[in-house]
């Protein structure tokens, strides 16, 4: 999951919020 966020730096913020 962390790798996914790192790869999608721009989506990271939004993704992290959605996942959590």
N, C-alpha and C. Protein backbone atom coordinates (compact mmCIF):
# COMPACT_ATOMS: atom_id res chain seq x y z
N UNK A 1 0.85 -1.21 0.00
CA UNK A 1 0.00 0.00 0.00
C UNK A 1 0.88 1.25 0.00
N UNK A 2 1.89 1.24 0.83
CA UNK A 2 2.79 2.40 0.89
C UNK A 2 3.45 2.64 -0.46
N UNK A 3 3.84 1.56 -1.11
CA UNK A 3 4.47 1.69 -2.42
C UNK A 3 3.51 2.34 -3.41
N UNK A 4 2.25 1.94 -3.34
CA UNK A 4 1.24 2.50 -4.24
C UNK A 4 1.13 4.01 -4.03
N UNK A 5 1.11 4.42 -2.80
CA UNK A 5 1.00 5.85 -2.48
C UNK A 5 2.24 6.59 -2.99
N UNK A 6 3.40 6.00 -2.77
CA UNK A 6 4.65 6.63 -3.21
C UNK A 6 4.65 6.80 -4.72
N UNK A 7 4.19 5.76 -5.43
CA UNK A 7 4.14 5.81 -6.89
C UNK A 7 3.16 6.89 -7.35
N UNK A 8 2.07 7.01 -6.61
CA UNK A 8 1.05 8.01 -6.98
C UNK A 8 1.13 9.20 -6.02
N UNK A 9 2.28 9.88 -6.03
CA UNK A 9 2.49 11.01 -5.13
C UNK A 9 1.33 12.00 -5.19
N UNK A 10 0.85 12.29 -6.39
CA UNK A 10 -0.24 13.26 -6.48
C UNK A 10 -1.55 12.66 -5.96
N UNK A 11 -1.74 11.34 -6.16
CA UNK A 11 -2.95 10.68 -5.65
C UNK A 11 -2.73 10.27 -4.20
N UNK A 12 -1.47 10.24 -3.75
CA UNK A 12 -1.14 9.81 -2.40
C UNK A 12 -2.02 10.44 -1.34
N UNK A 13 -2.09 11.77 -1.35
CA UNK A 13 -2.87 12.48 -0.34
C UNK A 13 -4.32 12.02 -0.35
N UNK A 14 -4.93 12.02 -1.52
CA UNK A 14 -6.33 11.63 -1.64
C UNK A 14 -6.53 10.16 -1.33
N UNK A 15 -5.64 9.32 -1.87
CA UNK A 15 -5.73 7.89 -1.67
C UNK A 15 -5.62 7.53 -0.20
N UNK A 16 -4.65 8.12 0.46
CA UNK A 16 -4.44 7.85 1.88
C UNK A 16 -5.70 8.18 2.67
N UNK A 17 -6.32 9.30 2.34
CA UNK A 17 -7.53 9.71 3.03
C UNK A 17 -8.67 8.74 2.77
N UNK A 18 -8.78 8.30 1.51
CA UNK A 18 -9.85 7.36 1.14
C UNK A 18 -9.63 6.00 1.79
N UNK A 19 -8.39 5.51 1.76
CA UNK A 19 -8.06 4.20 2.33
C UNK A 19 -8.31 4.20 3.83
N UNK A 20 -7.90 5.26 4.49
CA UNK A 20 -8.06 5.33 5.93
C UNK A 20 -9.51 5.65 6.28
